[in-house]
Amino acid sequence: MTSDNQIERVEVRYRPFVVKYHGTTDAHGSRISIRDLRHNKRKVIPYDSDHFGIGSVGEQATAYLRSIGISVDALALADVPINGTAVELLLSTDFATQLR
């Protein structure tokens, strides 16, 4: 129990991944970038609208992370775009497994 002057400390730590959709260009098809904010790494995967359906950027990123052994424990959504693009934030308690 905390008094009125104390804030209860949150003990769970999460590793954040920023997930962003990138549309088709002359050089590339649609793709998804996954940025590991903890380790400052980035992975780009193809966007698969046939298998996952339209608007499933977070689902595709989650499937990729799970396929390489990174658990996804939570999804955070923000209404404020980053650099003009809407993003999703995936959270994991796995701090060891690297993006590849």
PDB file of N, CA and C in Angstrom:
ATOM      1  N   MET A   1       0.843  -1.181   0.000  1.00  0.00           N
ATOM      2  CA  MET A   1       0.000   0.000   0.000  1.00  0.00           C
ATOM      3  C   MET A   1       0.884   1.238   0.000  1.00  0.00           C
ATOM      4  N   THR A   2       0.483   2.227  -0.756  1.00  0.00           N
ATOM      5  CA  THR A   2       1.249   3.469  -0.824  1.00  0.00           C
ATOM      6  C   THR A   2       0.462   4.601  -0.176  1.00  0.00           C
ATOM      7  N   SER A   3       1.207   5.565   0.334  1.00  0.00           N
ATOM      8  CA  SER A   3       0.536   6.736   0.884  1.00  0.00           C
ATOM      9  C   SER A   3       0.188   7.679  -0.260  1.00  0.00           C
ATOM     10  N   ASP A   4      -0.508   8.755   0.037  1.00  0.00           N
ATOM     11  CA  ASP A   4      -0.915   9.720  -0.978  1.00  0.00           C
ATOM     12  C   ASP A   4       0.275  10.383  -1.667  1.00  0.00           C
ATOM     13  N   ASN A   5       1.418  10.436  -1.013  1.00  0.00           N
ATOM     14  CA  ASN A   5       2.595  11.111  -1.559  1.00  0.00           C
ATOM     15  C   ASN A   5       3.515  10.190  -2.347  1.00  0.00           C
ATOM     16  N   GLN A   6       3.251   8.894  -2.381  1.00  0.00           N
ATOM     17  CA  GLN A   6       4.138   7.949  -3.038  1.00  0.00           C
ATOM     18  C   GLN A   6       3.490   7.398  -4.312  1.00  0.00           C
ATOM     19  N   ILE A   7       4.328   7.166  -5.304  1.00  0.00           N
ATOM     20  CA  ILE A   7       3.882   6.530  -6.535  1.00  0.00           C
ATOM     21  C   ILE A   7       4.396   5.102  -6.530  1.00  0.00           C
ATOM     22  N   GLU A   8       3.519   4.173  -6.816  1.00  0.00           N
ATOM     23  CA  GLU A   8       3.906   2.769  -6.836  1.00  0.00           C
ATOM     24  C   GLU A   8       4.794   2.505  -8.045  1.00  0.00           C
ATOM     25  N   ARG A   9       5.908   1.850  -7.837  1.00  0.00           N
ATOM     26  CA  ARG A   9       6.871   1.577  -8.900  1.00  0.00           C
ATOM     27  C   ARG A   9       6.437   0.372  -9.722  1.00  0.00           C
ATOM     28  N   VAL A  10       6.525   0.509 -11.035  1.00  0.00           N
ATOM     29  CA  VAL A  10       6.212  -0.588 -11.949  1.00  0.00           C
ATOM     30  C   VAL A  10       7.475  -1.417 -12.139  1.00  0.00           C
ATOM     31  N   GLU A  11       7.371  -2.704 -11.921  1.00  0.00           N
ATOM     32  CA  GLU A  11       8.547  -3.565 -11.966  1.00  0.00           C
ATOM     33  C   GLU A  11       8.749  -4.260 -13.301  1.00  0.00           C
ATOM     34  N   VAL A  12       7.767  -4.284 -14.169  1.00  0.00           N
ATOM     35  CA  VAL A  12       7.916  -4.947 -15.460  1.00  0.00           C
ATOM     36  C   VAL A  12       8.619  -4.001 -16.433  1.00  0.00           C
ATOM     37  N   ARG A  13       9.632  -4.497 -17.102  1.00  0.00           N
ATOM     38  CA  ARG A  13      10.370  -3.728 -18.100  1.00  0.00           C
ATOM     39  C   ARG A  13      10.062  -4.315 -19.475  1.00  0.00           C
ATOM     40  N   TYR A  14       9.866  -3.437 -20.456  1.00  0.00           N
ATOM     41  CA  TYR A  14       9.569  -3.879 -21.804  1.00  0.00           C
ATOM     42  C   TYR A  14      10.596  -3.351 -22.790  1.00  0.00           C
ATOM     43  N   ARG A  15      10.846  -4.136 -23.809  1.00  0.00           N
ATOM     44  CA  ARG A  15      11.697  -3.751 -24.936  1.00  0.00           C
ATOM     45  C   ARG A  15      10.775  -3.299 -26.062  1.00  0.00           C
ATOM     46  N   PRO A  16      10.885  -2.049 -26.525  1.00  0.00           N
ATOM     47  CA  PRO A  16       9.958  -1.542 -27.536  1.00  0.00           C
ATOM     48  C   PRO A  16      10.450  -1.753 -28.973  1.00  0.00           C
ATOM     49  N   PHE A  17       9.503  -2.082 -29.836  1.00  0.00           N
ATOM     50  CA  PHE A  17       9.730  -2.173 -31.277  1.00  0.00           C
ATOM     51  C   PHE A  17       8.735  -1.238 -31.959  1.00  0.00           C
ATOM     52  N   VAL A  18       9.233  -0.307 -32.764  1.00  0.00           N
ATOM     53  CA  VAL A  18       8.366   0.583 -33.533  1.00  0.00           C
ATOM     54  C   VAL A  18       8.112  -0.076 -34.880  1.00  0.00           C
ATOM     55  N   VAL A  19       6.835  -0.219 -35.235  1.00  0.00           N
ATOM     56  CA  VAL A  19       6.436  -0.876 -36.478  1.00  0.00           C
ATOM     57  C   VAL A  19       5.809   0.169 -37.390  1.00  0.00           C
ATOM     58  N   LYS A  20       6.292   0.213 -38.637  1.00  0.00           N
ATOM     59  CA  LYS A  20       5.851   1.246 -39.560  1.00  0.00           C
ATOM     60  C   LYS A  20       5.641   0.654 -40.955  1.00  0.00           C
ATOM     61  N   TYR A  21       4.559   1.069 -41.617  1.00  0.00           N
ATOM     62  CA  TYR A  21       4.267   0.646 -42.986  1.00  0.00           C
ATOM     63  C   TYR A  21       4.930   1.607 -43.966  1.00  0.00           C
ATOM     64  N   HIS A  22       5.525   1.053 -45.028  1.00  0.00           N
ATOM     65  CA  HIS A  22       6.128   1.848 -46.096  1.00  0.00           C
ATOM     66  C   HIS A  22       5.470   1.438 -47.405  1.00  0.00           C
ATOM     67  N   GLY A  23       4.867   2.384 -48.091  1.00  0.00           N
ATOM     68  CA  GLY A  23       4.169   2.098 -49.340  1.00  0.00           C
ATOM     69  C   GLY A  23       5.105   1.762 -50.484  1.00  0.00           C
ATOM     70  N   THR A  24       4.516   1.351 -51.588  1.00  0.00           N
ATOM     71  CA  THR A  24       5.246   0.974 -52.794  1.00  0.00           C
ATOM     72  C   THR A  24       5.981   2.175 -53.384  1.00  0.00           C
ATOM     73  N   THR A  25       7.195   1.939 -53.848  1.00  0.00           N
ATOM     74  CA  THR A  25       7.972   2.944 -54.564  1.00  0.00           C
ATOM     75  C   THR A  25       8.373   2.362 -55.918  1.00  0.00           C
ATOM     76  N   ASP A  26       9.083   3.126 -56.732  1.00  0.00           N
ATOM     77  CA  ASP A  26       9.571   2.611 -58.016  1.00  0.00           C
ATOM     78  C   ASP A  26      10.563   1.468 -57.823  1.00  0.00           C
ATOM     79  N   ALA A  27      11.288   1.491 -56.715  1.00  0.00           N
ATOM     80  CA  ALA A  27      12.334   0.500 -56.473  1.00  0.00           C
ATOM     81  C   ALA A  27      11.892  -0.672 -55.596  1.00  0.00           C
ATOM     82  N   HIS A  28      10.851  -0.482 -54.774  1.00  0.00           N
ATOM     83  CA  HIS A  28      10.467  -1.506 -53.798  1.00  0.00           C
ATOM     84  C   HIS A  28       8.957  -1.662 -53.739  1.00  0.00           C
ATOM     85  N   GLY A  29       8.523  -2.865 -53.400  1.00  0.00           N
ATOM     86  CA  GLY A  29       7.118  -3.084 -53.107  1.00  0.00           C
ATOM     87  C   GLY A  29       6.809  -2.616 -51.696  1.00  0.00           C
ATOM     88  N   SER A  30       5.550  -2.748 -51.288  1.00  0.00           N
ATOM     89  CA  SER A  30       5.165  -2.361 -49.923  1.00  0.00           C
ATOM     90  C   SER A  30       5.951  -3.184 -48.917  1.00  0.00           C
ATOM     91  N   ARG A  31       6.318  -2.540 -47.814  1.00  0.00           N
ATOM     92  CA  ARG A  31       7.100  -3.237 -46.806  1.00  0.00           C
ATOM     93  C   ARG A  31       6.806  -2.683 -45.418  1.00  0.00           C
ATOM     94  N   ILE A  32       7.308  -3.390 -44.423  1.00  0.00           N
ATOM     95  CA  ILE A  32       7.128  -3.033 -43.017  1.00  0.00           C
ATOM     96  C   ILE A  32       8.508  -2.949 -42.386  1.00  0.00           C
ATOM     97  N   SER A  33       8.756  -1.864 -41.648  1.00  0.00           N
ATOM     98  CA  SER A  33      10.010  -1.796 -40.899  1.00  0.00           C
ATOM     99  C   SER A  33       9.714  -2.026 -39.421  1.00  0.00           C
ATOM    100  N   ILE A  34      10.629  -2.758 -38.793  1.00  0.00           N
ATOM    101  CA  ILE A  34      10.560  -3.033 -37.361  1.00  0.00           C
ATOM    102  C   ILE A  34      11.844  -2.477 -36.764  1.00  0.00           C
ATOM    103  N   ARG A  35      11.727  -1.470 -35.911  1.00  0.00           N
ATOM    104  CA  ARG A  35      12.905  -0.861 -35.292  1.00  0.00           C
ATOM    105  C   ARG A  35      12.954  -1.241 -33.818  1.00  0.00           C
ATOM    106  N   ASP A  36      14.046  -1.862 -33.432  1.00  0.00           N
ATOM    107  CA  ASP A  36      14.298  -2.240 -32.041  1.00  0.00           C
ATOM    108  C   ASP A  36      14.906  -1.027 -31.348  1.00  0.00           C
ATOM    109  N   LEU A  37      14.129  -0.358 -30.515  1.00  0.00           N
ATOM    110  CA  LEU A  37      14.613   0.849 -29.852  1.00  0.00           C
ATOM    111  C   LEU A  37      15.626   0.562 -28.754  1.00  0.00           C
ATOM    112  N   ARG A  38      15.638  -0.651 -28.238  1.00  0.00           N
ATOM    113  CA  ARG A  38      16.592  -1.020 -27.186  1.00  0.00           C
ATOM    114  C   ARG A  38      18.006  -1.196 -27.754  1.00  0.00           C
ATOM    115  N   HIS A  39      18.101  -1.910 -28.884  1.00  0.00           N
ATOM    116  CA  HIS A  39      19.401  -2.245 -29.463  1.00  0.00           C
ATOM    117  C   HIS A  39      19.726  -1.431 -30.713  1.00  0.00           C
ATOM    118  N   ASN A  40      18.837  -0.490 -31.086  1.00  0.00           N
ATOM    119  CA  ASN A  40      19.028   0.376 -32.245  1.00  0.00           C
ATOM    120  C   ASN A  40      19.297  -0.422 -33.524  1.00  0.00           C
ATOM    121  N   LYS A  41      18.462  -1.432 -33.773  1.00  0.00           N
ATOM    122  CA  LYS A  41      18.540  -2.257 -34.978  1.00  0.00           C
ATOM    123  C   LYS A  41      17.235  -2.106 -35.745  1.00  0.00           C
ATOM    124  N   ARG A  42      17.298  -2.363 -37.045  1.00  0.00           N
ATOM    125  CA  ARG A  42      16.107  -2.243 -37.893  1.00  0.00           C
ATOM    126  C   ARG A  42      16.046  -3.417 -38.851  1.00  0.00           C
ATOM    127  N   LYS A  43      14.846  -3.939 -39.048  1.00  0.00           N
ATOM    128  CA  LYS A  43      14.597  -5.030 -39.994  1.00  0.00           C
ATOM    129  C   LYS A  43      13.442  -4.616 -40.889  1.00  0.00           C
ATOM    130  N   VAL A  44      13.587  -4.830 -42.189  1.00  0.00           N
ATOM    131  CA  VAL A  44      12.513  -4.544 -43.140  1.00  0.00           C
ATOM    132  C   VAL A  44      12.033  -5.872 -43.704  1.00  0.00           C
ATOM    133  N   ILE A  45      10.709  -6.073 -43.663  1.00  0.00           N
ATOM    134  CA  ILE A  45      10.107  -7.290 -44.203  1.00  0.00           C
ATOM    135  C   ILE A  45       9.070  -6.901 -45.242  1.00  0.00           C
ATOM    136  N   PRO A  46       8.786  -7.782 -46.214  1.00  0.00           N
ATOM    137  CA  PRO A  46       7.760  -7.461 -47.204  1.00  0.00           C
ATOM    138  C   PRO A  46       6.372  -7.407 -46.567  1.00  0.00           C
ATOM    139  N   TYR A  47       5.525  -6.526 -47.079  1.00  0.00           N
ATOM    140  CA  TYR A  47       4.135  -6.436 -46.634  1.00  0.00           C
ATOM    141  C   TYR A  47       3.337  -7.474 -47.411  1.00  0.00           C
ATOM    142  N   ASP A  48       2.609  -8.328 -46.713  1.00  0.00           N
ATOM    143  CA  ASP A  48       1.873  -9.431 -47.326  1.00  0.00           C
ATOM    144  C   ASP A  48       0.371  -9.211 -47.167  1.00  0.00           C
ATOM    145  N   SER A  49      -0.238  -8.490 -48.112  1.00  0.00           N
ATOM    146  CA  SER A  49      -1.675  -8.213 -48.014  1.00  0.00           C
ATOM    147  C   SER A  49      -2.508  -9.440 -48.366  1.00  0.00           C
ATOM    148  N   ASP A  50      -1.963 -10.390 -49.126  1.00  0.00           N
ATOM    149  CA  ASP A  50      -2.710 -11.591 -49.504  1.00  0.00           C
ATOM    150  C   ASP A  50      -2.912 -12.522 -48.322  1.00  0.00           C
ATOM    151  N   HIS A  51      -1.866 -12.715 -47.519  1.00  0.00           N
ATOM    152  CA  HIS A  51      -1.946 -13.662 -46.409  1.00  0.00           C
ATOM    153  C   HIS A  51      -2.588 -13.060 -45.171  1.00  0.00           C
ATOM    154  N   PHE A  52      -2.228 -11.828 -44.844  1.00  0.00           N
ATOM    155  CA  PHE A  52      -2.689 -11.205 -43.611  1.00  0.00           C
ATOM    156  C   PHE A  52      -3.869 -10.263 -43.796  1.00  0.00           C
ATOM    157  N   GLY A  53      -4.040  -9.707 -44.983  1.00  0.00           N
ATOM    158  CA  GLY A  53      -5.104  -8.747 -45.210  1.00  0.00           C
ATOM    159  C   GLY A  53      -4.627  -7.316 -45.013  1.00  0.00           C
ATOM    160  N   ILE A  54      -5.432  -6.400 -45.471  1.00  0.00           N
ATOM    161  CA  ILE A  54      -5.091  -4.983 -45.398  1.00  0.00           C
ATOM    162  C   ILE A  54      -5.143  -4.508 -43.945  1.00  0.00           C
ATOM    163  N   GLY A  55      -4.218  -3.637 -43.558  1.00  0.00           N
ATOM    164  CA  GLY A  55      -4.236  -3.049 -42.226  1.00  0.00           C
ATOM    165  C   GLY A  55      -3.696  -3.928 -41.123  1.00  0.00           C
ATOM    166  N   SER A  56      -2.933  -4.935 -41.490  1.00  0.00           N
ATOM    167  CA  SER A  56      -2.454  -5.890 -40.489  1.00  0.00           C
ATOM    168  C   SER A  56      -0.963  -5.748 -40.224  1.00  0.00           C
ATOM    169  N   VAL A  57      -0.466  -4.536 -40.248  1.00  0.00           N
ATOM    170  CA  VAL A  57       0.960  -4.288 -40.089  1.00  0.00           C
ATOM    171  C   VAL A  57       1.472  -4.868 -38.760  1.00  0.00           C
ATOM    172  N   GLY A  58       0.765  -4.592 -37.675  1.00  0.00           N
ATOM    173  CA  GLY A  58       1.167  -5.100 -36.364  1.00  0.00           C
ATOM    174  C   GLY A  58       1.137  -6.615 -36.301  1.00  0.00           C
ATOM    175  N   GLU A  59       0.140  -7.238 -36.935  1.00  0.00           N
ATOM    176  CA  GLU A  59       0.052  -8.704 -36.951  1.00  0.00           C
ATOM    177  C   GLU A  59       1.233  -9.310 -37.696  1.00  0.00           C
ATOM    178  N   GLN A  60       1.595  -8.706 -38.822  1.00  0.00           N
ATOM    179  CA  GLN A  60       2.722  -9.230 -39.594  1.00  0.00           C
ATOM    180  C   GLN A  60       4.036  -9.066 -38.846  1.00  0.00           C
ATOM    181  N   ALA A  61       4.225  -7.936 -38.209  1.00  0.00           N
ATOM    182  CA  ALA A  61       5.438  -7.720 -37.430  1.00  0.00           C
ATOM    183  C   ALA A  61       5.494  -8.685 -36.248  1.00  0.00           C
ATOM    184  N   THR A  62       4.351  -8.898 -35.595  1.00  0.00           N
ATOM    185  CA  THR A  62       4.289  -9.852 -34.483  1.00  0.00           C
ATOM    186  C   THR A  62       4.649 -11.252 -34.959  1.00  0.00           C
ATOM    187  N   ALA A  63       4.096 -11.667 -36.100  1.00  0.00           N
ATOM    188  CA  ALA A  63       4.396 -12.994 -36.643  1.00  0.00           C
ATOM    189  C   ALA A  63       5.887 -13.136 -36.937  1.00  0.00           C
ATOM    190  N   TYR A  64       6.495 -12.084 -37.505  1.00  0.00           N
ATOM    191  CA  TYR A  64       7.927 -12.139 -37.793  1.00  0.00           C
ATOM    192  C   TYR A  64       8.734 -12.256 -36.495  1.00  0.00           C
ATOM    193  N   LEU A  65       8.451 -11.398 -35.520  1.00  0.00           N
ATOM    194  CA  LEU A  65       9.201 -11.440 -34.265  1.00  0.00           C
ATOM    195  C   LEU A  65       9.070 -12.802 -33.593  1.00  0.00           C
ATOM    196  N   ARG A  66       7.882 -13.358 -33.575  1.00  0.00           N
ATOM    197  CA  ARG A  66       7.689 -14.687 -32.978  1.00  0.00           C
ATOM    198  C   ARG A  66       8.447 -15.759 -33.756  1.00  0.00           C
ATOM    199  N   SER A  67       8.544 -15.606 -35.083  1.00  0.00           N
ATOM    200  CA  SER A  67       9.243 -16.611 -35.899  1.00  0.00           C
ATOM    201  C   SER A  67      10.739 -16.655 -35.596  1.00  0.00           C
ATOM    202  N   ILE A  68      11.303 -15.567 -35.078  1.00  0.00           N
ATOM    203  CA  ILE A  68      12.723 -15.563 -34.719  1.00  0.00           C
ATOM    204  C   ILE A  68      12.926 -15.710 -33.212  1.00  0.00           C
ATOM    205  N   GLY A  69      11.845 -16.010 -32.492  1.00  0.00           N
ATOM    206  CA  GLY A  69      11.960 -16.321 -31.071  1.00  0.00           C
ATOM    207  C   GLY A  69      11.751 -15.174 -30.112  1.00  0.00           C
ATOM    208  N   ILE A  70      11.256 -14.035 -30.595  1.00  0.00           N
ATOM    209  CA  ILE A  70      10.988 -12.891 -29.710  1.00  0.00           C
ATOM    210  C   ILE A  70       9.504 -12.870 -29.377  1.00  0.00           C
ATOM    211  N   SER A  71       9.179 -12.966 -28.094  1.00  0.00           N
ATOM    212  CA  SER A  71       7.778 -12.914 -27.665  1.00  0.00           C
ATOM    213  C   SER A  71       7.266 -11.479 -27.768  1.00  0.00           C
ATOM    214  N   VAL A  72       6.001 -11.354 -28.111  1.00  0.00           N
ATOM    215  CA  VAL A  72       5.349 -10.041 -28.112  1.00  0.00           C
ATOM    216  C   VAL A  72       4.315 -10.074 -26.995  1.00  0.00           C
ATOM    217  N   ASP A  73       4.518  -9.223 -25.993  1.00  0.00           N
ATOM    218  CA  ASP A  73       3.687  -9.238 -24.796  1.00  0.00           C
ATOM    219  C   ASP A  73       2.591  -8.193 -24.792  1.00  0.00           C
ATOM    220  N   ALA A  74       2.758  -7.139 -25.589  1.00  0.00           N
ATOM    221  CA  ALA A  74       1.749  -6.069 -25.601  1.00  0.00           C
ATOM    222  C   ALA A  74       1.877  -5.250 -26.878  1.00  0.00           C
ATOM    223  N   LEU A  75       0.785  -4.569 -27.215  1.00  0.00           N
ATOM    224  CA  LEU A  75       0.725  -3.663 -28.354  1.00  0.00           C
ATOM    225  C   LEU A  75       0.263  -2.311 -27.846  1.00  0.00           C
ATOM    226  N   ALA A  76       0.987  -1.263 -28.213  1.00  0.00           N
ATOM    227  CA  ALA A  76       0.593   0.098 -27.848  1.00  0.00           C
ATOM    228  C   ALA A  76       0.302   0.868 -29.129  1.00  0.00           C
ATOM    229  N   LEU A  77      -0.757   1.648 -29.113  1.00  0.00           N
ATOM    230  CA  LEU A  77      -1.141   2.440 -30.274  1.00  0.00           C
ATOM    231  C   LEU A  77      -1.047   3.914 -29.923  1.00  0.00           C
ATOM    232  N   ALA A  78      -0.618   4.702 -30.900  1.00  0.00           N
ATOM    233  CA  ALA A  78      -0.519   6.147 -30.690  1.00  0.00           C
ATOM    234  C   ALA A  78      -1.249   6.858 -31.816  1.00  0.00           C
ATOM    235  N   ASP A  79      -2.014   7.874 -31.478  1.00  0.00           N
ATOM    236  CA  ASP A  79      -2.711   8.665 -32.484  1.00  0.00           C
ATOM    237  C   ASP A  79      -1.810   9.740 -33.092  1.00  0.00           C
ATOM    238  N   VAL A  80      -0.650   9.942 -32.503  1.00  0.00           N
ATOM    239  CA  VAL A  80       0.267  10.962 -32.990  1.00  0.00           C
ATOM    240  C   VAL A  80       1.279  10.290 -33.923  1.00  0.00           C
ATOM    241  N   PRO A  81       1.302  10.688 -35.203  1.00  0.00           N
ATOM    242  CA  PRO A  81       2.253  10.061 -36.123  1.00  0.00           C
ATOM    243  C   PRO A  81       3.694  10.463 -35.824  1.00  0.00           C
ATOM    244  N   ILE A  82       4.621   9.578 -36.147  1.00  0.00           N
ATOM    245  CA  ILE A  82       6.043   9.853 -36.026  1.00  0.00           C
ATOM    246  C   ILE A  82       6.571  10.103 -37.434  1.00  0.00           C
ATOM    247  N   ASN A  83       7.145  11.259 -37.658  1.00  0.00           N
ATOM    248  CA  ASN A  83       7.615  11.655 -38.987  1.00  0.00           C
ATOM    249  C   ASN A  83       6.505  11.552 -40.029  1.00  0.00           C
ATOM    250  N   GLY A  84       5.285  11.894 -39.642  1.00  0.00           N
ATOM    251  CA  GLY A  84       4.165  11.922 -40.572  1.00  0.00           C
ATOM    252  C   GLY A  84       3.508  10.590 -40.858  1.00  0.00           C
ATOM    253  N   THR A  85       3.950   9.523 -40.219  1.00  0.00           N
ATOM    254  CA  THR A  85       3.401   8.202 -40.477  1.00  0.00           C
ATOM    255  C   THR A  85       2.918   7.571 -39.176  1.00  0.00           C
ATOM    256  N   ALA A  86       1.735   6.965 -39.235  1.00  0.00           N
ATOM    257  CA  ALA A  86       1.216   6.252 -38.062  1.00  0.00           C
ATOM    258  C   ALA A  86       2.094   5.035 -37.776  1.00  0.00           C
ATOM    259  N   VAL A  87       2.308   4.776 -36.515  1.00  0.00           N
ATOM    260  CA  VAL A  87       3.136   3.642 -36.110  1.00  0.00           C
ATOM    261  C   VAL A  87       2.413   2.830 -35.048  1.00  0.00           C
ATOM    262  N   GLU A  88       2.856   1.595 -34.882  1.00  0.00           N
ATOM    263  CA  GLU A  88       2.424   0.759 -33.772  1.00  0.00           C
ATOM    264  C   GLU A  88       3.662   0.445 -32.958  1.00  0.00           C
ATOM    265  N   LEU A  89       3.480   0.202 -31.693  1.00  0.00           N
ATOM    266  CA  LEU A  89       4.583  -0.111 -30.803  1.00  0.00           C
ATOM    267  C   LEU A  89       4.328  -1.491 -30.212  1.00  0.00           C
ATOM    268  N   LEU A  90       5.214  -2.430 -30.496  1.00  0.00           N
ATOM    269  CA  LEU A  90       5.135  -3.768 -29.918  1.00  0.00           C
ATOM    270  C   LEU A  90       6.087  -3.825 -28.737  1.00  0.00           C
ATOM    271  N   LEU A  91       5.671  -4.484 -27.680  1.00  0.00           N
ATOM    272  CA  LEU A  91       6.464  -4.557 -26.450  1.00  0.00           C
ATOM    273  C   LEU A  91       6.779  -5.997 -26.119  1.00  0.00           C
ATOM    274  N   SER A  92       8.024  -6.247 -25.718  1.00  0.00           N
ATOM    275  CA  SER A  92       8.469  -7.603 -25.382  1.00  0.00           C
ATOM    276  C   SER A  92       9.279  -7.576 -24.099  1.00  0.00           C
ATOM    277  N   THR A  93       9.234  -8.669 -23.374  1.00  0.00           N
ATOM    278  CA  THR A  93      10.080  -8.829 -22.198  1.00  0.00           C
ATOM    279  C   THR A  93      11.376  -9.570 -22.545  1.00  0.00           C
ATOM    280  N   ASP A  94      11.560  -9.914 -23.826  1.00  0.00           N
ATOM    281  CA  ASP A  94      12.777 -10.566 -24.316  1.00  0.00           C
ATOM    282  C   ASP A  94      13.800  -9.496 -24.665  1.00  0.00           C
ATOM    283  N   PHE A  95      14.854  -9.396 -23.875  1.00  0.00           N
ATOM    284  CA  PHE A  95      15.888  -8.393 -24.112  1.00  0.00           C
ATOM    285  C   PHE A  95      17.117  -9.001 -24.786  1.00  0.00           C
ATOM    286  N   ALA A  96      17.153 -10.317 -24.978  1.00  0.00           N
ATOM    287  CA  ALA A  96      18.354 -10.985 -25.473  1.00  0.00           C
ATOM    288  C   ALA A  96      18.341 -11.281 -26.970  1.00  0.00           C
ATOM    289  N   THR A  97      17.230 -11.792 -27.479  1.00  0.00           N
ATOM    290  CA  THR A  97      17.167 -12.216 -28.878  1.00  0.00           C
ATOM    291  C   THR A  97      17.258 -11.011 -29.812  1.00  0.00           C
ATOM    292  N   GLN A  98      18.188 -11.071 -30.749  1.00  0.00           N
ATOM    293  CA  GLN A  98      18.416  -9.954 -31.665  1.00  0.00           C
ATOM    294  C   GLN A  98      17.556 -10.085 -32.925  1.00  0.00           C
ATOM    295  N   LEU A  99      17.244  -8.929 -33.539  1.00  0.00           N
ATOM    296  CA  LEU A  99      16.602  -8.939 -34.843  1.00  0.00           C
ATOM    297  C   LEU A  99      17.576  -9.528 -35.841  1.00  0.00           C
ATOM    298  N   ARG A 100      17.041 -10.269 -36.809  1.00  0.00           N
ATOM    299  CA  ARG A 100      17.893 -10.788 -37.889  1.00  0.00           C
ATOM    300  C   ARG A 100      17.116 -10.894 -39.158  1.00  0.00           C
TER     301      ARG A 100
END
